[in-house]
C-alpha atoms as a PDB file:
ATOM      1  CA  MET A   1      14.319 -57.677  24.648  1.00  0.00           C
ATOM      2  CA  THR A   2      11.920 -59.742  26.872  1.00  0.00           C
ATOM      3  CA  SER A   3      11.940 -58.905  30.550  1.00  0.00           C
ATOM      4  CA  THR A   4      11.371 -61.521  33.092  1.00  0.00           C
ATOM      5  CA  LEU A   5       9.905 -58.851  35.430  1.00  0.00           C
ATOM      6  CA  SER A   6       6.381 -57.871  35.569  1.00  0.00           C
ATOM      7  CA  PHE A   7       5.068 -54.154  35.412  1.00  0.00           C
ATOM      8  CA  ASP A   8       1.490 -55.181  34.755  1.00  0.00           C
ATOM      9  CA  GLY A   9      -0.807 -52.279  35.737  1.00  0.00           C
ATOM     10  CA  LYS A  10       2.233 -49.926  36.360  1.00  0.00           C
ATOM     11  CA  VAL A  11       3.107 -46.565  34.551  1.00  0.00           C
ATOM     12  CA  ALA A  12       6.612 -45.691  33.811  1.00  0.00           C
ATOM     13  CA  LEU A  13       8.344 -42.517  32.476  1.00  0.00           C
ATOM     14  CA  VAL A  14      11.519 -42.424  30.342  1.00  0.00           C
ATOM     15  CA  THR A  15      13.253 -39.491  29.300  1.00  0.00           C
ATOM     16  CA  GLY A  16      15.678 -39.330  26.356  1.00  0.00           C
ATOM     17  CA  ALA A  17      13.366 -42.005  24.920  1.00  0.00           C
ATOM     18  CA  ALA A  18      13.633 -41.772  21.131  1.00  0.00           C
ATOM     19  CA  ALA A  19      16.906 -43.675  20.873  1.00  0.00           C
ATOM     20  CA  GLY A  20      19.716 -45.693  22.672  1.00  0.00           C
ATOM     21  CA  ILE A  21      19.477 -46.497  26.296  1.00  0.00           C
ATOM     22  CA  GLY A  22      16.192 -44.486  26.791  1.00  0.00           C
ATOM     23  CA  LEU A  23      14.448 -46.311  23.822  1.00  0.00           C
ATOM     24  CA  ALA A  24      15.567 -49.754  25.026  1.00  0.00           C
ATOM     25  CA  THR A  25      14.294 -48.947  28.604  1.00  0.00           C
ATOM     26  CA  ALA A  26      11.066 -47.717  27.357  1.00  0.00           C
ATOM     27  CA  THR A  27      10.603 -50.830  25.156  1.00  0.00           C
ATOM     28  CA  ALA A  28      11.633 -53.086  28.013  1.00  0.00           C
ATOM     29  CA  PHE A  29       9.034 -51.488  30.363  1.00  0.00           C
ATOM     30  CA  ALA A  30       6.350 -51.866  27.720  1.00  0.00           C
ATOM     31  CA  GLU A  31       7.233 -55.336  27.112  1.00  0.00           C
ATOM     32  CA  ALA A  32       7.041 -56.030  30.879  1.00  0.00           C
ATOM     33  CA  GLY A  33       3.514 -54.762  30.767  1.00  0.00           C
ATOM     34  CA  ALA A  34       3.685 -51.071  31.748  1.00  0.00           C
ATOM     35  CA  ALA A  35       2.077 -48.171  30.151  1.00  0.00           C
ATOM     36  CA  VAL A  36       4.958 -45.903  29.111  1.00  0.00           C
ATOM     37  CA  THR A  37       5.364 -42.157  28.503  1.00  0.00           C
ATOM     38  CA  LEU A  38       8.452 -41.584  26.202  1.00  0.00           C
ATOM     39  CA  ALA A  39       9.863 -38.357  26.286  1.00  0.00           C
ATOM     40  CA  ASP A  40      12.428 -36.602  24.107  1.00  0.00           C
ATOM     41  CA  ILE A  41      13.301 -33.159  22.523  1.00  0.00           C
ATOM     42  CA  ASN A  42      13.522 -34.769  19.265  1.00  0.00           C
ATOM     43  CA  GLY A  43       9.938 -34.973  18.370  1.00  0.00           C
ATOM     44  CA  ASP A  44      10.125 -36.536  15.091  1.00  0.00           C
ATOM     45  CA  ALA A  45      12.162 -39.557  16.248  1.00  0.00           C
ATOM     46  CA  LEU A  46      10.024 -39.534  19.539  1.00  0.00           C
ATOM     47  CA  HIS A  47       6.788 -40.125  17.855  1.00  0.00           C
ATOM     48  CA  ASP A  48       8.154 -42.571  15.206  1.00  0.00           C
ATOM     49  CA  ALA A  49       9.493 -44.492  18.425  1.00  0.00           C
ATOM     50  CA  ALA A  50       5.991 -44.285  20.292  1.00  0.00           C
ATOM     51  CA  ASP A  51       4.173 -45.192  17.083  1.00  0.00           C
ATOM     52  CA  LYS A  52       6.038 -48.499  16.672  1.00  0.00           C
ATOM     53  CA  LEU A  53       5.593 -49.451  20.363  1.00  0.00           C
ATOM     54  CA  GLU A  54       1.779 -48.730  19.993  1.00  0.00           C
ATOM     55  CA  ALA A  55       1.627 -50.576  16.891  1.00  0.00           C
ATOM     56  CA  ALA A  56       3.182 -53.754  18.677  1.00  0.00           C
ATOM     57  CA  GLY A  57       0.147 -53.482  20.898  1.00  0.00           C
ATOM     58  CA  HIS A  58       1.829 -51.498  23.900  1.00  0.00           C
ATOM     59  CA  ARG A  59       0.039 -48.667  25.892  1.00  0.00           C
ATOM     60  CA  VAL A  60       2.443 -45.579  25.112  1.00  0.00           C
ATOM     61  CA  ILE A  61       2.389 -41.967  24.655  1.00  0.00           C
ATOM     62  CA  GLY A  62       4.986 -39.622  23.357  1.00  0.00           C
ATOM     63  CA  VAL A  63       5.628 -36.351  24.848  1.00  0.00           C
ATOM     64  CA  ALA A  64       8.029 -33.659  23.408  1.00  0.00           C
ATOM     65  CA  CYS A  65       9.915 -32.284  26.288  1.00  0.00           C
ATOM     66  CA  ASP A  66      13.066 -30.086  26.874  1.00  0.00           C
ATOM     67  CA  VAL A  67      14.192 -31.286  30.226  1.00  0.00           C
ATOM     68  CA  THR A  68      16.003 -28.035  30.743  1.00  0.00           C
ATOM     69  CA  ASP A  69      12.534 -26.003  30.944  1.00  0.00           C
ATOM     70  CA  GLU A  70      11.117 -26.949  34.035  1.00  0.00           C
ATOM     71  CA  PRO A  71       7.384 -25.941  33.045  1.00  0.00           C
ATOM     72  CA  SER A  72       7.850 -28.494  30.250  1.00  0.00           C
ATOM     73  CA  VAL A  73       8.837 -31.054  32.620  1.00  0.00           C
ATOM     74  CA  ALA A  74       5.973 -30.164  34.907  1.00  0.00           C
ATOM     75  CA  ALA A  75       3.553 -30.504  32.066  1.00  0.00           C
ATOM     76  CA  LEU A  76       5.399 -34.023  30.878  1.00  0.00           C
ATOM     77  CA  VAL A  77       4.481 -35.469  34.275  1.00  0.00           C
ATOM     78  CA  ALA A  78       0.996 -34.094  34.339  1.00  0.00           C
ATOM     79  CA  ASP A  79       0.380 -35.536  30.842  1.00  0.00           C
ATOM     80  CA  THR A  80       1.461 -39.032  32.050  1.00  0.00           C
ATOM     81  CA  VAL A  81      -0.796 -39.046  35.028  1.00  0.00           C
ATOM     82  CA  THR A  82      -3.807 -37.751  32.956  1.00  0.00           C
ATOM     83  CA  ALA A  83      -3.123 -40.375  30.165  1.00  0.00           C
ATOM     84  CA  PHE A  84      -2.562 -43.170  32.510  1.00  0.00           C
ATOM     85  CA  GLY A  85      -3.991 -42.207  35.919  1.00  0.00           C
ATOM     86  CA  ARG A  86      -0.665 -42.644  37.909  1.00  0.00           C
ATOM     87  CA  LEU A  87       3.237 -42.829  37.935  1.00  0.00           C
ATOM     88  CA  ASP A  88       4.992 -45.736  39.192  1.00  0.00           C
ATOM     89  CA  ALA A  89       8.528 -45.763  37.929  1.00  0.00           C
ATOM     90  CA  ALA A  90      10.690 -43.073  36.134  1.00  0.00           C
ATOM     91  CA  PHE A  91      14.138 -43.207  34.420  1.00  0.00           C
ATOM     92  CA  ASN A  92      15.766 -39.808  34.146  1.00  0.00           C
ATOM     93  CA  ASN A  93      17.942 -40.592  31.176  1.00  0.00           C
ATOM     94  CA  ALA A  94      18.159 -37.646  29.029  1.00  0.00           C
ATOM     95  CA  GLY A  95      21.830 -36.333  28.457  1.00  0.00           C
ATOM     96  CA  ILE A  96      24.466 -35.061  26.168  1.00  0.00           C
ATOM     97  CA  GLN A  97      28.075 -35.532  25.676  1.00  0.00           C
ATOM     98  CA  ALA A  98      30.652 -32.518  25.663  1.00  0.00           C
ATOM     99  CA  PRO A  99      33.244 -31.769  23.343  1.00  0.00           C
ATOM    100  CA  VAL A 100      36.626 -33.122  24.432  1.00  0.00           C
ATOM    101  CA  ALA A 101      38.663 -30.253  25.813  1.00  0.00           C
ATOM    102  CA  ASP A 102      41.150 -29.373  28.235  1.00  0.00           C
ATOM    103  CA  THR A 103      39.746 -27.282  31.040  1.00  0.00           C
ATOM    104  CA  ALA A 104      41.484 -24.266  30.009  1.00  0.00           C
ATOM    105  CA  ASP A 105      40.323 -24.576  26.379  1.00  0.00           C
ATOM    106  CA  ALA A 106      36.739 -25.531  27.323  1.00  0.00           C
ATOM    107  CA  THR A 107      33.856 -22.914  26.274  1.00  0.00           C
ATOM    108  CA  GLY A 108      31.601 -21.607  29.193  1.00  0.00           C
ATOM    109  CA  ASP A 109      28.504 -22.233  26.652  1.00  0.00           C
ATOM    110  CA  ASP A 110      29.486 -25.989  26.355  1.00  0.00           C
ATOM    111  CA  PHE A 111      30.011 -26.174  30.234  1.00  0.00           C
ATOM    112  CA  ASP A 112      26.405 -24.400  30.783  1.00  0.00           C
ATOM    113  CA  GLN A 113      24.618 -26.671  28.378  1.00  0.00           C
ATOM    114  CA  VAL A 114      25.995 -30.003  29.803  1.00  0.00           C
ATOM    115  CA  ILE A 115      25.095 -29.029  33.147  1.00  0.00           C
ATOM    116  CA  ALA A 116      21.609 -27.707  32.079  1.00  0.00           C
ATOM    117  CA  ILE A 117      20.761 -30.945  30.522  1.00  0.00           C
ATOM    118  CA  ASN A 118      22.700 -33.604  32.539  1.00  0.00           C
ATOM    119  CA  LEU A 119      22.366 -32.228  35.944  1.00  0.00           C
ATOM    120  CA  ARG A 120      19.591 -29.590  36.085  1.00  0.00           C
ATOM    121  CA  GLY A 121      17.412 -31.671  33.614  1.00  0.00           C
ATOM    122  CA  VAL A 122      17.543 -34.486  36.142  1.00  0.00           C
ATOM    123  CA  TRP A 123      16.718 -32.230  38.971  1.00  0.00           C
ATOM    124  CA  ASN A 124      13.616 -30.979  37.041  1.00  0.00           C
ATOM    125  CA  CYS A 125      12.397 -34.258  36.305  1.00  0.00           C
ATOM    126  CA  LEU A 126      13.206 -35.591  39.955  1.00  0.00           C
ATOM    127  CA  LYS A 127      11.241 -32.628  41.369  1.00  0.00           C
ATOM    128  CA  HIS A 128       8.038 -33.148  39.620  1.00  0.00           C
ATOM    129  CA  GLU A 129       7.850 -36.875  39.666  1.00  0.00           C
ATOM    130  CA  LEU A 130       8.334 -36.562  43.283  1.00  0.00           C
ATOM    131  CA  ARG A 131       5.532 -34.228  43.602  1.00  0.00           C
ATOM    132  CA  HIS A 132       3.227 -36.888  42.388  1.00  0.00           C
ATOM    133  CA  MET A 133       4.630 -39.873  43.940  1.00  0.00           C
ATOM    134  CA  ARG A 134       4.590 -38.345  47.443  1.00  0.00           C
ATOM    135  CA  GLN A 135       0.931 -37.896  47.062  1.00  0.00           C
ATOM    136  CA  VAL A 136       0.528 -41.688  46.841  1.00  0.00           C
ATOM    137  CA  GLY A 137       3.308 -42.788  48.904  1.00  0.00           C
ATOM    138  CA  SER A 138       4.938 -45.145  46.495  1.00  0.00           C
ATOM    139  CA  GLY A 139       7.338 -45.137  43.428  1.00  0.00           C
ATOM    140  CA  ALA A 140      10.764 -45.751  42.114  1.00  0.00           C
ATOM    141  CA  ILE A 141      12.917 -43.326  40.226  1.00  0.00           C
ATOM    142  CA  VAL A 142      16.444 -44.325  38.530  1.00  0.00           C
ATOM    143  CA  ASN A 143      18.663 -41.363  37.456  1.00  0.00           C
ATOM    144  CA  CYS A 144      21.278 -41.739  34.770  1.00  0.00           C
ATOM    145  CA  SER A 145      24.899 -40.932  35.736  1.00  0.00           C
ATOM    146  CA  SER A 146      27.756 -42.846  34.079  1.00  0.00           C
ATOM    147  CA  GLN A 147      31.205 -44.154  34.682  1.00  0.00           C
ATOM    148  CA  SER A 148      32.124 -40.722  34.319  1.00  0.00           C
ATOM    149  CA  GLY A 149      30.127 -40.000  37.748  1.00  0.00           C
ATOM    150  CA  LEU A 150      32.687 -42.264  39.394  1.00  0.00           C
ATOM    151  CA  VAL A 151      36.149 -41.604  38.030  1.00  0.00           C
ATOM    152  CA  GLY A 152      37.738 -38.557  36.463  1.00  0.00           C
ATOM    153  CA  MET A 153      38.727 -38.454  32.835  1.00  0.00           C
ATOM    154  CA  ALA A 154      40.929 -35.686  31.285  1.00  0.00           C
ATOM    155  CA  GLY A 155      39.070 -33.563  28.593  1.00  0.00           C
ATOM    156  CA  LEU A 156      35.640 -34.304  30.176  1.00  0.00           C
ATOM    157  CA  GLY A 157      35.439 -31.872  32.773  1.00  0.00           C
ATOM    158  CA  ALA A 158      31.854 -30.765  32.273  1.00  0.00           C
ATOM    159  CA  TYR A 159      30.478 -34.039  31.648  1.00  0.00           C
ATOM    160  CA  THR A 160      32.182 -35.550  34.463  1.00  0.00           C
ATOM    161  CA  ALA A 161      30.996 -32.832  36.701  1.00  0.00           C
ATOM    162  CA  SER A 162      27.394 -33.048  35.631  1.00  0.00           C
ATOM    163  CA  LYS A 163      27.451 -37.033  35.991  1.00  0.00           C
ATOM    164  CA  HIS A 164      29.161 -36.748  39.661  1.00  0.00           C
ATOM    165  CA  GLY A 165      26.177 -34.210  40.431  1.00  0.00           C
ATOM    166  CA  VAL A 166      23.440 -36.683  39.535  1.00  0.00           C
ATOM    167  CA  LEU A 167      25.047 -39.170  42.243  1.00  0.00           C
ATOM    168  CA  GLY A 168      25.053 -36.445  44.900  1.00  0.00           C
ATOM    169  CA  LEU A 169      21.515 -35.208  44.121  1.00  0.00           C
ATOM    170  CA  THR A 170      20.209 -38.909  43.956  1.00  0.00           C
ATOM    171  CA  LYS A 171      21.690 -39.642  47.344  1.00  0.00           C
ATOM    172  CA  CYS A 172      20.056 -36.557  48.947  1.00  0.00           C
ATOM    173  CA  ALA A 173      16.601 -37.023  47.559  1.00  0.00           C
ATOM    174  CA  ALA A 174      16.859 -40.709  48.368  1.00  0.00           C
ATOM    175  CA  LEU A 175      17.441 -40.021  51.996  1.00  0.00           C
ATOM    176  CA  GLU A 176      14.286 -37.504  51.969  1.00  0.00           C
ATOM    177  CA  TYR A 177      12.009 -39.768  50.556  1.00  0.00           C
ATOM    178  CA  ALA A 178      12.949 -43.347  51.681  1.00  0.00           C
ATOM    179  CA  ALA A 179      10.724 -43.323  54.738  1.00  0.00           C
ATOM    180  CA  ARG A 180       7.611 -42.229  52.206  1.00  0.00           C
ATOM    181  CA  GLY A 181       7.762 -45.282  50.260  1.00  0.00           C
ATOM    182  CA  ILE A 182       9.915 -43.760  47.206  1.00  0.00           C
ATOM    183  CA  ARG A 183      13.023 -45.313  46.311  1.00  0.00           C
ATOM    184  CA  ILE A 184      15.525 -43.290  44.069  1.00  0.00           C
ATOM    185  CA  ASN A 185      18.792 -44.718  42.759  1.00  0.00           C
ATOM    186  CA  THR A 186      21.403 -44.288  40.056  1.00  0.00           C
ATOM    187  CA  ILE A 187      22.544 -46.123  37.079  1.00  0.00           C
ATOM    188  CA  CYS A 188      26.093 -45.660  35.852  1.00  0.00           C
ATOM    189  CA  PRO A 189      26.491 -46.955  32.351  1.00  0.00           C
ATOM    190  CA  GLY A 190      29.928 -47.441  30.683  1.00  0.00           C
ATOM    191  CA  PRO A 191      30.488 -46.739  26.943  1.00  0.00           C
ATOM    192  CA  THR A 192      27.271 -48.205  25.311  1.00  0.00           C
ATOM    193  CA  ASP A 193      26.505 -48.890  21.529  1.00  0.00           C
ATOM    194  CA  THR A 194      24.186 -45.715  21.254  1.00  0.00           C
ATOM    195  CA  PRO A 195      23.963 -42.992  18.668  1.00  0.00           C
ATOM    196  CA  MET A 196      25.664 -40.510  21.296  1.00  0.00           C
ATOM    197  CA  VAL A 197      28.585 -42.903  21.801  1.00  0.00           C
ATOM    198  CA  ALA A 198      28.790 -43.420  17.796  1.00  0.00           C
ATOM    199  CA  ALA A 199      28.788 -39.517  17.251  1.00  0.00           C
ATOM    200  CA  ALA A 200      31.679 -39.236  19.874  1.00  0.00           C
ATOM    201  CA  LEU A 201      33.681 -41.993  18.412  1.00  0.00           C
ATOM    202  CA  ALA A 202      33.414 -40.098  14.983  1.00  0.00           C
ATOM    203  CA  ASP A 203      34.247 -36.790  16.480  1.00  0.00           C
ATOM    204  CA  HIS A 204      37.090 -37.803  18.915  1.00  0.00           C
ATOM    205  CA  PRO A 205      38.409 -41.120  17.370  1.00  0.00           C
ATOM    206  CA  ASP A 206      41.612 -41.145  19.485  1.00  0.00           C
ATOM    207  CA  HIS A 207      39.923 -40.206  22.691  1.00  0.00           C
ATOM    208  CA  MET A 208      37.026 -42.681  22.277  1.00  0.00           C
ATOM    209  CA  THR A 209      39.179 -45.642  21.173  1.00  0.00           C
ATOM    210  CA  HIS A 210      41.548 -45.420  24.006  1.00  0.00           C
ATOM    211  CA  LEU A 211      38.467 -45.431  26.343  1.00  0.00           C
ATOM    212  CA  VAL A 212      36.796 -48.288  24.582  1.00  0.00           C
ATOM    213  CA  ASN A 213      39.875 -50.320  24.491  1.00  0.00           C
ATOM    214  CA  GLY A 214      40.163 -50.144  28.317  1.00  0.00           C
ATOM    215  CA  ILE A 215      36.978 -52.010  28.840  1.00  0.00           C
ATOM    216  CA  PRO A 216      38.021 -55.285  30.428  1.00  0.00           C
ATOM    217  CA  ALA A 217      34.900 -56.726  28.632  1.00  0.00           C
ATOM    218  CA  ARG A 218      36.574 -55.818  25.381  1.00  0.00           C
ATOM    219  CA  ARG A 219      33.146 -54.430  23.793  1.00  0.00           C
ATOM    220  CA  LEU A 220      30.760 -51.632  24.247  1.00  0.00           C
ATOM    221  CA  GLY A 221      27.699 -52.159  26.387  1.00  0.00           C
ATOM    222  CA  HIS A 222      24.294 -52.990  24.705  1.00  0.00           C
ATOM    223  CA  PRO A 223      21.469 -50.644  25.459  1.00  0.00           C
ATOM    224  CA  GLU A 224      19.296 -53.640  26.499  1.00  0.00           C
ATOM    225  CA  GLU A 225      21.770 -54.511  29.260  1.00  0.00           C
ATOM    226  CA  ILE A 226      21.364 -51.229  30.751  1.00  0.00           C
ATOM    227  CA  ALA A 227      17.593 -51.413  30.520  1.00  0.00           C
ATOM    228  CA  SER A 228      17.647 -54.674  32.305  1.00  0.00           C
ATOM    229  CA  ALA A 229      19.387 -52.820  35.313  1.00  0.00           C
ATOM    230  CA  VAL A 230      17.004 -49.854  35.141  1.00  0.00           C
ATOM    231  CA  LEU A 231      14.065 -52.435  35.490  1.00  0.00           C
ATOM    232  CA  TRP A 232      15.528 -54.333  38.298  1.00  0.00           C
ATOM    233  CA  LEU A 233      16.179 -51.227  40.220  1.00  0.00           C
ATOM    234  CA  CYS A 234      12.578 -50.223  39.835  1.00  0.00           C
ATOM    235  CA  SER A 235      11.222 -53.619  40.444  1.00  0.00           C
ATOM    236  CA  PRO A 236      10.052 -54.925  44.041  1.00  0.00           C
ATOM    237  CA  GLY A 237      13.074 -57.094  43.993  1.00  0.00           C
ATOM    238  CA  ALA A 238      15.247 -54.061  44.572  1.00  0.00           C
ATOM    239  CA  GLY A 239      12.881 -52.945  47.313  1.00  0.00           C
ATOM    240  CA  PHE A 240      15.556 -52.337  49.957  1.00  0.00           C
ATOM    241  CA  VAL A 241      18.068 -50.623  47.315  1.00  0.00           C
ATOM    242  CA  ILE A 242      17.884 -47.111  48.246  1.00  0.00           C
ATOM    243  CA  GLY A 243      20.222 -44.147  47.341  1.00  0.00           C
ATOM    244  CA  GLN A 244      22.709 -46.416  45.626  1.00  0.00           C
ATOM    245  CA  HIS A 245      24.541 -46.579  42.154  1.00  0.00           C
ATOM    246  CA  LEU A 246      24.626 -49.734  40.118  1.00  0.00           C
ATOM    247  CA  THR A 247      27.628 -49.530  37.527  1.00  0.00           C
ATOM    248  CA  ALA A 248      27.270 -51.403  34.368  1.00  0.00           C
ATOM    249  CA  ASP A 249      30.379 -50.684  32.630  1.00  0.00           C
ATOM    250  CA  GLY A 250      32.041 -53.852  31.456  1.00  0.00           C
ATOM    251  CA  GLY A 251      34.689 -53.788  34.407  1.00  0.00           C
ATOM    252  CA  LEU A 252      35.806 -50.280  33.317  1.00  0.00           C
ATOM    253  CA  THR A 253      35.839 -48.662  36.762  1.00  0.00           C
ATOM    254  CA  THR A 254      37.083 -51.783  38.364  1.00  0.00           C
ATOM    255  CA  GLN A 255      40.536 -51.507  37.402  1.00  0.00           C
END
């Protein structure tokens, strides 16, 4: 993907960057001129992705990170600043899907894991990114929600709750830091052609096929399309966009 936006001299951090939307966004930042930290819990896939970007001539580092562990996230941000001297943009993308289950049949362990990664993980990242950005008085952060952050869907209670929570967290933080030169927004992707969605299609074909068939665009999104939206939200062109959600779901929530 070739971006028309320039991030020359900027530094970006992307979580969940070993595959899917995260990797597409890290690649887009790098191709737009940014130095990029790729973070993921999957160390092997992470370092393979970082090595490929480095071989292509980009300035990148790969940092293994569990976003549910706050000290690990604090170290991730510190490693980024140590390596590149600053942090200008962040995409808090790491997340997981939940098993499809009615609320009465869902397990507490599944609920806790989804909330820990999808919501607490975003909070951990946001907290430590902001601690750096507020020192310099600038920055742009995009948190990853979902079309499930906007509407409900039977069988996805934990996932939907986590993604609704990201929207609320984003709005509060955006109000806190808007006057301090830091913009915080949310991207809400619809079903996108990623390994996570492919696994969900395999595990729950009836549920997911029904969802995909309901997309007015009649296709899955491409990770690069979501990446383009994230880069725009982090760019000066979105300088007056604060505390908002940008929905990229092929029209799914328009109906």
